[in-house]
Amino acid sequence: MRPNILLIQTDQFRYDCIGAHSHALVQTPVLDHLIAEGITYSSAYTPAPVCVPSRNSMLYGCWPTRHLAIANNGTEAPRPAHADLVSFGTVLHAAGYRLTCVGNWDVHPASKPKDHGFSTHLSESVYPAWRAAKGIAPVPHTNGFWGELDPYATPEQTALAWGAEQVINQLREHQARSSDEPLFLQWNTSEPHLPNILPEPYCSQISPADVPPWPSFPDPLTNKPYMQAQQRRSWGIDSWSWKEWAPIVARYLGQISLIDAQVGRVLAALDELGLADDTLVIFTADHGDLCGGHGMIDKHYVMYEDVTHVPLILRWRGHTARGATNDAFISHAIDLAATFIELARAESPQQFVGRSLVPTFDGSTDLGRTNITSTYFGNQFGLYSQRMLRDRRYKYVWNLSAEDELYDMANDPGELTNLAQDGALREVLADLRLRLLAWLEETRDPILNMWTRRQLADGAKL
């Protein structure tokens, strides 16, 4: 049978901020239970740690260097994806799925869900009017990007609760149709992207005094690209201690608990409507968040685990293993797109390069990757291109306009010590560069030319 597919895609959600992923403070009983009933992928990575390129990679099943919708905004205007590409939505619609999107879209201003086979888009842009109609004061924005208490709303009156209600209504409508037409329902939350503005009890659920520093804090940024120090300076946070960061992280974790509660409402509705056994539930994020990691905020200029490593949880009762952890390297956006196509029993568009996750539903099958990659174009805050390749031991970051980075992920999981200049690892670095070059050539990355290729092939890189 072809399942319904419920895709819950959050925005800027760190892999390590789920209780079942060993976070000691965050309260995520719903996601913990979802993991107990399904599979969590412990080595899932984003193809690009920025919203628009990551989401376009899922929509079109290809690397950012193919679709070239590579930036949110800033130095260059947002680019639309190439017009010759076919989206997974178009394919699923042609295959008989009914597609609905709830929440933000964040692909490109000129690209709408209806252009990709979605019959319904319930945009979060209506939430302020919904809130005002209930007599609730607007969401406060008095603390910039750093977050604060929303003293006017209850948890049931937040944008997350509004989104959950729309998703539940769509499930009810699907159940009432009594049709053989399967449903693809995509819920894109804007949370936990900064600023984290949330009501009680979530805002003060975790005391800042109890929040320990990330493994990547503090980071003196020794022998690291100057742009990382510049990121701190640009935000005015270069002198911050953990005392300044702890309240921000506490609110971030509280926002995740609110997400968890609203996901719980949706999963309960699946059960109540008798749809749970026929629905593949997917929980993931477009990318992670620094949130104080390495003393930085947001996600730009870096390829740290904080922003590239993403949660990916799948549950389809009777079809996915229960309580399994699969450590296969997953490029989550392009692999999910390939998974949708296989489940729909459709033919993949020519540009799709992902590997379907269906073989991994047993909980242990590997997809055969020995390394994983990610890309960053830097267009939002000046042209600063990066490419990343990591295997089970090392991570290499090619910074075209700054010194390269090399981290021993086994002995330095916080990525604090850049080993790119360590002579004892010269052969390791050369091997990683050649592997990255092979992938860039395979994907026809436009960053390659006779000069940039020499940096990788000949070691002509400082």
Protein backbone atom coordinates (compact mmCIF):
# COMPACT_ATOMS: atom_id res chain seq x y z
CA MET A 1 0.00 0.00 0.00
CA ARG A 2 0.99 3.62 -0.46
CA PRO A 3 1.02 5.43 2.88
CA ASN A 4 -0.12 8.85 3.83
CA ILE A 5 2.95 10.95 4.58
CA LEU A 6 3.05 13.50 7.39
CA LEU A 7 6.22 15.58 7.12
CA ILE A 8 6.93 17.82 10.11
CA GLN A 9 9.81 20.11 9.19
CA THR A 10 10.99 22.46 11.91
CA ASP A 11 13.31 25.42 11.40
CA GLN A 12 16.77 25.52 12.98
CA PHE A 13 16.42 22.50 15.31
CA ARG A 14 19.66 21.02 16.70
CA TYR A 15 20.09 17.24 16.62
CA ASP A 16 21.26 17.18 20.25
CA CYS A 17 18.15 18.90 21.64
CA ILE A 18 15.90 15.87 22.05
CA GLY A 19 15.73 13.97 25.30
CA ALA A 20 16.21 10.59 23.62
CA HIS A 21 19.31 12.03 21.94
CA SER A 22 20.82 12.34 25.43
CA HIS A 23 19.99 15.94 26.27
CA ALA A 24 19.63 15.98 30.04
CA LEU A 25 17.35 19.02 30.41
CA VAL A 26 15.04 19.38 27.42
CA GLN A 27 11.57 17.88 27.88
CA THR A 28 10.47 16.06 24.70
CA PRO A 29 8.29 13.13 25.81
CA VAL A 30 6.40 13.02 22.50
CA LEU A 31 9.51 12.90 20.31
CA ASP A 32 11.10 10.43 22.72
CA HIS A 33 8.06 8.16 22.30
CA LEU A 34 8.11 8.62 18.53
CA ILE A 35 11.73 7.44 18.53
CA ALA A 36 10.75 4.46 20.72
CA GLU A 37 8.11 3.53 18.14
CA GLY A 38 10.23 4.17 15.06
CA ILE A 39 13.74 4.96 13.83
CA THR A 40 16.06 7.82 14.62
CA TYR A 41 18.88 8.48 12.17
CA SER A 42 21.92 9.51 14.16
CA SER A 43 24.02 10.66 11.19
CA ALA A 44 21.58 12.79 9.19
CA TYR A 45 23.03 15.99 7.72
CA THR A 46 21.66 18.92 5.80
CA PRO A 47 22.94 19.54 2.26
CA ALA A 48 23.20 23.23 3.19
CA PRO A 49 22.86 24.79 6.67
CA VAL A 50 20.64 27.64 5.44
CA CYS A 51 16.84 27.61 5.04
CA VAL A 52 16.25 28.26 1.34
CA PRO A 53 18.93 26.00 -0.18
CA SER A 54 18.07 23.15 2.19
CA ARG A 55 14.34 23.34 1.47
CA ASN A 56 14.91 23.57 -2.27
CA SER A 57 17.12 20.49 -2.07
CA MET A 58 14.21 18.57 -0.58
CA LEU A 59 11.71 19.99 -3.05
CA TYR A 60 13.84 19.13 -6.07
CA GLY A 61 15.80 16.16 -4.74
CA CYS A 62 19.20 17.57 -5.69
CA TRP A 63 22.22 19.41 -4.34
CA PRO A 64 22.16 23.21 -4.02
CA THR A 65 24.81 23.37 -6.75
CA ARG A 66 22.18 21.93 -9.13
CA HIS A 67 19.09 23.92 -8.18
CA LEU A 68 21.14 27.09 -7.34
CA ALA A 69 18.53 28.58 -5.01
CA ILE A 70 21.47 29.15 -2.75
CA ALA A 71 20.66 32.02 -0.36
CA ASN A 72 17.91 33.51 1.74
CA ASN A 73 18.65 37.17 0.96
CA GLY A 74 21.37 39.73 1.44
CA THR A 75 24.41 40.30 -0.77
CA GLU A 76 22.54 38.86 -3.72
CA ALA A 77 18.78 38.71 -4.20
CA PRO A 78 17.20 35.29 -3.59
CA ARG A 79 17.52 33.12 -6.65
CA PRO A 80 14.73 30.87 -7.87
CA ALA A 81 15.56 27.27 -8.65
CA HIS A 82 16.29 26.35 -12.25
CA ALA A 83 13.12 26.24 -14.30
CA ASP A 84 13.97 22.84 -15.82
CA LEU A 85 13.65 21.02 -12.48
CA VAL A 86 10.66 18.88 -11.48
CA SER A 87 9.65 18.87 -7.81
CA PHE A 88 8.63 15.87 -5.72
CA GLY A 89 5.27 17.57 -5.21
CA THR A 90 4.57 17.63 -8.92
CA VAL A 91 5.42 13.94 -9.15
CA LEU A 92 3.30 12.94 -6.14
CA HIS A 93 0.34 14.93 -7.40
CA ALA A 94 0.56 13.18 -10.77
CA ALA A 95 0.78 9.86 -8.91
CA GLY A 96 -2.53 10.48 -7.16
CA TYR A 97 -1.54 12.08 -3.86
CA ARG A 98 -3.42 15.00 -2.38
CA LEU A 99 -0.85 17.51 -1.13
CA THR A 100 -1.36 20.10 1.61
CA CYS A 101 1.11 22.49 3.23
CA VAL A 102 0.64 24.17 6.61
CA GLY A 103 2.99 26.91 7.82
CA ASN A 104 5.81 28.74 6.10
CA TRP A 105 7.07 27.80 2.63
CA ASP A 106 10.44 29.55 2.43
CA VAL A 107 11.48 28.29 -1.00
CA HIS A 108 11.38 31.49 -3.06
CA PRO A 109 8.91 34.42 -3.21
CA ALA A 110 7.95 33.49 -6.76
CA SER A 111 7.55 29.77 -6.01
CA LYS A 112 4.24 28.81 -4.43
CA PRO A 113 3.01 25.43 -3.17
CA LYS A 114 0.32 25.38 -5.88
CA ASP A 115 3.13 25.40 -8.44
CA HIS A 116 4.25 22.04 -7.08
CA GLY A 117 1.05 20.03 -6.86
CA PHE A 118 -0.17 21.28 -3.47
CA SER A 119 -3.90 21.89 -3.54
CA THR A 120 -3.93 23.72 -0.20
CA HIS A 121 -1.51 26.05 1.56
CA LEU A 122 -2.50 27.34 4.99
CA SER A 123 0.14 30.01 5.49
CA GLU A 124 1.34 31.06 8.92
CA SER A 125 1.14 34.64 7.67
CA VAL A 126 -2.50 34.71 8.80
CA TYR A 127 -1.58 33.97 12.41
CA PRO A 128 -1.27 37.64 13.54
CA ALA A 129 -4.82 38.31 12.31
CA TRP A 130 -6.05 35.08 13.96
CA ARG A 131 -4.42 36.22 17.18
CA ALA A 132 -5.88 39.71 16.96
CA ALA A 133 -9.37 38.33 16.30
CA LYS A 134 -9.15 36.58 19.64
CA GLY A 135 -8.30 39.84 21.36
CA ILE A 136 -4.69 38.85 22.05
CA ALA A 137 -2.05 41.55 21.90
CA PRO A 138 0.65 41.14 19.22
CA VAL A 139 3.73 39.04 19.86
CA PRO A 140 6.25 41.30 21.64
CA HIS A 141 9.57 42.06 20.01
CA THR A 142 11.47 44.09 22.60
CA ASN A 143 14.64 42.01 22.84
CA GLY A 144 15.78 41.73 19.25
CA PHE A 145 16.94 38.28 18.18
CA TRP A 146 17.53 37.11 21.74
CA GLY A 147 13.96 36.09 22.63
CA GLU A 148 11.65 36.85 25.52
CA LEU A 149 8.43 35.99 27.30
CA ASP A 150 5.14 36.34 25.43
CA PRO A 151 2.98 37.49 28.36
CA TYR A 152 -0.23 37.76 26.32
CA ALA A 153 -0.75 34.27 24.93
CA THR A 154 -1.24 30.82 26.39
CA PRO A 155 0.45 27.81 24.77
CA GLU A 156 -2.86 27.11 23.01
CA GLN A 157 -2.75 30.56 21.41
CA THR A 158 0.74 30.40 19.87
CA ALA A 159 1.61 30.10 16.20
CA LEU A 160 2.67 26.52 16.89
CA ALA A 161 -0.76 25.71 18.33
CA TRP A 162 -2.42 27.43 15.36
CA GLY A 163 -0.35 25.27 13.02
CA ALA A 164 -1.14 22.07 14.90
CA GLU A 165 -4.86 22.86 14.70
CA GLN A 166 -4.65 23.38 10.93
CA VAL A 167 -2.83 20.07 10.53
CA ILE A 168 -5.45 18.28 12.63
CA ASN A 169 -8.24 19.84 10.56
CA GLN A 170 -6.57 18.59 7.38
CA LEU A 171 -6.35 15.10 8.85
CA ARG A 172 -10.03 15.22 9.76
CA GLU A 173 -10.95 16.32 6.25
CA HIS A 174 -8.88 13.51 4.80
CA GLN A 175 -10.52 10.93 7.05
CA ALA A 176 -13.98 12.25 6.15
CA ARG A 177 -13.32 11.96 2.42
CA SER A 178 -13.12 8.16 2.69
CA SER A 179 -11.08 8.16 -0.49
CA ASP A 180 -8.29 5.92 -1.73
CA GLU A 181 -6.35 9.10 -2.50
CA PRO A 182 -3.35 9.15 -0.13
CA LEU A 183 -2.42 12.36 1.67
CA PHE A 184 0.91 14.16 1.74
CA LEU A 185 0.69 16.71 4.55
CA GLN A 186 3.68 18.99 5.16
CA TRP A 187 3.81 21.08 8.33
CA ASN A 188 6.62 23.66 8.28
CA THR A 189 7.03 25.35 11.64
CA SER A 190 8.92 28.63 12.03
CA GLU A 191 10.24 27.45 15.38
CA PRO A 192 12.65 27.02 17.10
CA HIS A 193 14.34 29.61 14.85
CA LEU A 194 15.39 32.70 16.77
CA PRO A 195 14.05 34.79 18.38
CA ASN A 196 12.43 32.39 20.83
CA ILE A 197 9.40 34.30 22.07
CA LEU A 198 7.17 31.96 24.04
CA PRO A 199 4.56 31.88 26.80
CA GLU A 200 4.65 30.36 30.22
CA PRO A 201 5.15 27.74 31.46
CA TYR A 202 7.63 27.07 28.63
CA CYS A 203 9.55 30.33 28.86
CA SER A 204 10.77 29.59 32.39
CA GLN A 205 10.55 25.80 32.23
CA ILE A 206 14.34 25.51 32.43
CA SER A 207 16.39 27.71 34.72
CA PRO A 208 19.36 29.35 32.99
CA ALA A 209 21.44 28.38 36.00
CA ASP A 210 20.90 24.72 35.15
CA VAL A 211 21.92 25.00 31.48
CA PRO A 212 25.44 23.62 30.89
CA PRO A 213 27.62 24.98 28.08
CA TRP A 214 27.63 23.12 24.78
CA PRO A 215 30.65 20.87 24.13
CA SER A 216 31.69 23.58 21.66
CA PHE A 217 31.81 26.36 24.28
CA PRO A 218 34.03 28.19 24.97
CA ASP A 219 35.97 28.30 21.71
CA PRO A 220 38.98 30.63 21.49
CA LEU A 221 38.81 30.29 17.66
CA THR A 222 42.56 29.67 17.51
CA ASN A 223 43.80 28.98 13.96
CA LYS A 224 40.28 29.34 12.64
CA PRO A 225 38.88 31.52 9.82
CA TYR A 226 38.65 35.15 10.84
CA MET A 227 35.00 35.24 9.73
CA GLN A 228 34.03 33.31 12.83
CA ALA A 229 35.43 36.03 15.07
CA GLN A 230 33.82 38.57 12.75
CA GLN A 231 30.46 36.85 13.19
CA ARG A 232 30.74 37.39 16.93
CA ARG A 233 31.79 41.01 16.45
CA SER A 234 28.99 41.71 13.99
CA TRP A 235 26.42 40.48 16.50
CA GLY A 236 28.12 42.29 19.39
CA ILE A 237 28.62 39.06 21.34
CA ASP A 238 32.39 38.62 21.22
CA SER A 239 32.76 39.25 24.95
CA TRP A 240 29.84 37.10 26.11
CA SER A 241 30.33 34.48 28.79
CA TRP A 242 28.00 31.53 29.32
CA LYS A 243 26.05 33.68 31.76
CA GLU A 244 24.76 35.72 28.80
CA TRP A 245 24.10 32.64 26.67
CA ALA A 246 22.33 30.46 29.24
CA PRO A 247 18.96 32.36 29.22
CA ILE A 248 18.90 32.26 25.40
CA VAL A 249 19.57 28.52 25.35
CA ALA A 250 16.96 27.96 28.08
CA ARG A 251 14.30 29.69 25.96
CA TYR A 252 15.42 27.71 22.90
CA LEU A 253 14.94 24.48 24.84
CA GLY A 254 11.57 25.70 26.11
CA GLN A 255 10.49 26.41 22.53
CA ILE A 256 11.43 22.85 21.61
CA SER A 257 9.24 21.55 24.45
CA LEU A 258 6.34 23.60 23.07
CA ILE A 259 6.96 22.08 19.63
CA ASP A 260 6.94 18.65 21.25
CA ALA A 261 3.57 19.30 22.89
CA GLN A 262 1.98 20.46 19.64
CA VAL A 263 3.40 17.49 17.74
CA GLY A 264 1.78 15.39 20.44
CA ARG A 265 -1.63 16.86 19.61
CA VAL A 266 -1.17 15.96 15.95
CA LEU A 267 -0.03 12.40 16.67
CA ALA A 268 -2.96 11.93 19.06
CA ALA A 269 -5.31 13.04 16.28
CA LEU A 270 -3.76 10.47 13.93
CA ASP A 271 -4.61 7.78 16.45
CA GLU A 272 -8.11 9.08 17.16
CA LEU A 273 -8.95 9.25 13.46
CA GLY A 274 -7.63 5.76 12.79
CA LEU A 275 -4.96 7.06 10.41
CA ALA A 276 -1.78 6.29 12.36
CA ASP A 277 -1.20 2.80 10.95
CA ASP A 278 -1.48 4.08 7.39
CA THR A 279 0.74 7.13 7.83
CA LEU A 280 4.50 7.56 7.66
CA VAL A 281 5.38 10.26 10.19
CA ILE A 282 8.62 12.16 9.57
CA PHE A 283 10.11 14.67 11.99
CA THR A 284 13.13 16.70 10.91
CA ALA A 285 14.58 20.20 10.43
CA ASP A 286 16.06 22.19 7.57
CA HIS A 287 19.30 22.67 9.59
CA GLY A 288 20.53 23.25 13.12
CA ASP A 289 21.41 26.32 15.19
CA LEU A 290 24.61 27.57 16.82
CA CYS A 291 22.64 29.00 19.77
CA GLY A 292 25.82 29.85 21.66
CA GLY A 293 27.89 27.01 20.26
CA HIS A 294 31.42 28.30 19.56
CA GLY A 295 30.19 31.58 21.05
CA MET A 296 28.08 32.29 17.94
CA ILE A 297 24.44 32.63 16.98
CA ASP A 298 22.27 31.58 14.04
CA LYS A 299 24.06 29.49 11.36
CA HIS A 300 26.29 31.43 8.99
CA TYR A 301 29.99 31.04 8.05
CA VAL A 302 30.44 27.62 9.65
CA MET A 303 30.08 23.89 9.06
CA TYR A 304 30.01 22.82 12.69
CA GLU A 305 27.82 19.94 13.88
CA ASP A 306 25.66 22.54 15.65
CA VAL A 307 24.22 23.58 12.26
CA THR A 308 24.79 20.65 9.88
CA HIS A 309 23.64 17.71 12.02
CA VAL A 310 19.85 17.43 12.03
CA PRO A 311 17.22 15.26 13.72
CA LEU A 312 15.49 12.74 11.48
CA ILE A 313 12.83 10.43 12.95
CA LEU A 314 10.57 8.10 10.95
CA ARG A 315 7.63 6.00 12.12
CA TRP A 316 5.27 3.87 10.04
CA ARG A 317 3.76 1.25 12.28
CA GLY A 318 4.25 -2.23 10.96
CA HIS A 319 6.80 -1.05 8.40
CA THR A 320 9.61 0.72 10.28
CA ALA A 321 11.63 -0.92 13.02
CA ARG A 322 10.73 -0.02 16.59
CA GLY A 323 13.20 1.82 18.79
CA ALA A 324 16.01 1.58 16.26
CA THR A 325 18.97 3.91 15.78
CA ASN A 326 20.44 3.87 12.28
CA ASP A 327 23.86 5.51 11.98
CA ALA A 328 24.01 5.48 8.16
CA PHE A 329 25.16 8.76 6.64
CA ILE A 330 21.98 10.47 5.41
CA SER A 331 21.72 13.64 3.35
CA HIS A 332 18.28 14.20 4.76
CA ALA A 333 16.69 16.57 2.25
CA ILE A 334 17.64 14.77 -0.95
CA ASP A 335 17.17 11.31 0.59
CA LEU A 336 13.68 12.18 1.83
CA ALA A 337 12.74 13.40 -1.65
CA ALA A 338 13.85 10.05 -3.09
CA THR A 339 11.89 8.27 -0.34
CA PHE A 340 8.69 10.11 -1.25
CA ILE A 341 9.04 9.06 -4.87
CA GLU A 342 9.57 5.39 -4.02
CA LEU A 343 6.64 5.30 -1.61
CA ALA A 344 4.41 6.87 -4.27
CA ARG A 345 5.60 4.20 -6.75
CA ALA A 346 6.50 6.96 -9.17
CA GLU A 347 9.44 7.63 -11.43
CA SER A 348 12.17 9.94 -10.17
CA PRO A 349 12.83 13.17 -12.04
CA GLN A 350 16.16 13.19 -13.84
CA GLN A 351 17.86 15.56 -11.37
CA PHE A 352 17.05 13.47 -8.26
CA VAL A 353 20.27 12.18 -6.70
CA GLY A 354 19.14 11.06 -3.23
CA ARG A 355 19.00 7.52 -1.90
CA SER A 356 15.61 6.30 -0.72
CA LEU A 357 15.36 5.52 2.97
CA VAL A 358 12.90 2.67 2.39
CA PRO A 359 15.65 -0.01 2.59
CA THR A 360 16.64 1.43 5.99
CA PHE A 361 13.18 0.91 7.47
CA ASP A 362 14.54 -2.31 8.99
CA GLY A 363 16.54 -0.08 11.32
CA SER A 364 20.00 -1.27 10.36
CA THR A 365 20.56 -1.16 6.60
CA ASP A 366 23.25 1.29 5.49
CA LEU A 367 22.95 3.35 2.31
CA GLY A 368 26.59 2.79 1.43
CA ARG A 369 27.99 6.28 1.99
CA THR A 370 31.46 6.48 3.51
CA ASN A 371 31.23 10.24 3.93
CA ILE A 372 28.70 13.07 3.93
CA THR A 373 28.87 16.56 2.44
CA SER A 374 27.36 19.99 2.83
CA THR A 375 27.62 23.34 1.03
CA TYR A 376 27.46 27.02 1.95
CA PHE A 377 27.58 29.93 -0.48
CA GLY A 378 27.74 32.83 1.94
CA ASN A 379 25.56 35.08 -0.17
CA GLN A 380 23.48 36.31 2.74
CA PHE A 381 26.38 38.03 4.51
CA GLY A 382 29.00 38.59 1.87
CA LEU A 383 30.46 36.08 -0.53
CA TYR A 384 32.10 33.41 1.61
CA SER A 385 31.91 29.94 0.09
CA GLN A 386 32.45 26.69 1.97
CA ARG A 387 32.25 23.00 1.17
CA MET A 388 32.35 20.30 3.84
CA LEU A 389 33.11 16.58 3.80
CA ARG A 390 33.20 14.38 6.87
CA ASP A 391 33.70 10.69 7.39
CA ARG A 392 33.52 8.65 10.59
CA ARG A 393 36.77 10.11 11.92
CA TYR A 394 37.47 13.51 10.37
CA LYS A 395 35.66 16.58 9.12
CA TYR A 396 37.26 18.76 6.46
CA VAL A 397 35.98 22.24 5.60
CA TRP A 398 37.24 23.89 2.43
CA ASN A 399 37.09 27.66 2.96
CA LEU A 400 37.91 29.24 -0.38
CA SER A 401 38.74 32.64 1.06
CA ALA A 402 40.16 31.66 4.46
CA GLU A 403 42.23 28.92 6.07
CA ASP A 404 40.82 25.41 5.88
CA GLU A 405 39.54 23.43 8.84
CA LEU A 406 40.18 19.84 9.89
CA TYR A 407 38.65 18.27 12.99
CA ASP A 408 39.16 14.91 14.65
CA MET A 409 35.52 14.04 15.37
CA ALA A 410 36.44 11.04 17.49
CA ASN A 411 38.67 12.93 19.92
CA ASP A 412 37.28 16.46 19.51
CA PRO A 413 33.49 16.23 19.03
CA GLY A 414 33.15 19.91 19.95
CA GLU A 415 35.37 20.84 16.97
CA LEU A 416 37.54 23.14 19.04
CA THR A 417 40.98 22.30 17.61
CA ASN A 418 41.67 22.99 13.94
CA LEU A 419 44.23 20.42 12.77
CA ALA A 420 44.56 21.60 9.17
CA GLN A 421 48.14 22.76 9.79
CA ASP A 422 49.17 19.62 11.70
CA GLY A 423 51.99 18.08 9.68
CA ALA A 424 51.25 14.63 11.08
CA LEU A 425 47.87 14.73 9.32
CA ARG A 426 49.14 15.95 5.94
CA GLU A 427 48.16 12.70 4.20
CA VAL A 428 44.75 12.65 5.88
CA LEU A 429 44.10 16.20 4.71
CA ALA A 430 45.24 15.42 1.15
CA ASP A 431 42.94 12.39 1.01
CA LEU A 432 39.93 14.35 2.26
CA ARG A 433 40.60 17.09 -0.28
CA LEU A 434 40.70 14.60 -3.13
CA ARG A 435 37.48 12.96 -1.94
CA LEU A 436 35.82 16.35 -1.77
CA LEU A 437 37.12 17.21 -5.23
CA ALA A 438 35.68 13.98 -6.63
CA TRP A 439 32.27 14.84 -5.17
CA LEU A 440 32.41 18.41 -6.48
CA GLU A 441 33.24 17.11 -9.95
CA GLU A 442 30.50 14.51 -9.78
CA THR A 443 27.93 17.16 -8.81
CA ARG A 444 29.34 19.71 -11.29
CA ASP A 445 29.81 22.32 -8.61
CA PRO A 446 30.17 25.71 -10.33
CA ILE A 447 32.75 26.77 -7.74
CA LEU A 448 35.33 24.61 -9.52
CA ASN A 449 37.63 26.13 -12.10
CA MET A 450 41.29 25.64 -12.97
CA TRP A 451 42.37 27.78 -10.02
CA THR A 452 40.08 26.51 -7.29
CA ARG A 453 40.62 22.90 -8.39
CA ARG A 454 44.35 23.28 -7.71
CA GLN A 455 43.64 24.00 -4.04
CA LEU A 456 42.24 20.50 -3.67
CA ALA A 457 44.10 18.49 -6.28
CA ASP A 458 47.60 19.91 -5.79
CA GLY A 459 47.45 21.12 -2.21
CA ALA A 460 47.88 24.72 -3.41
CA LYS A 461 45.97 25.98 -0.39
CA LEU A 462 47.32 27.79 2.63
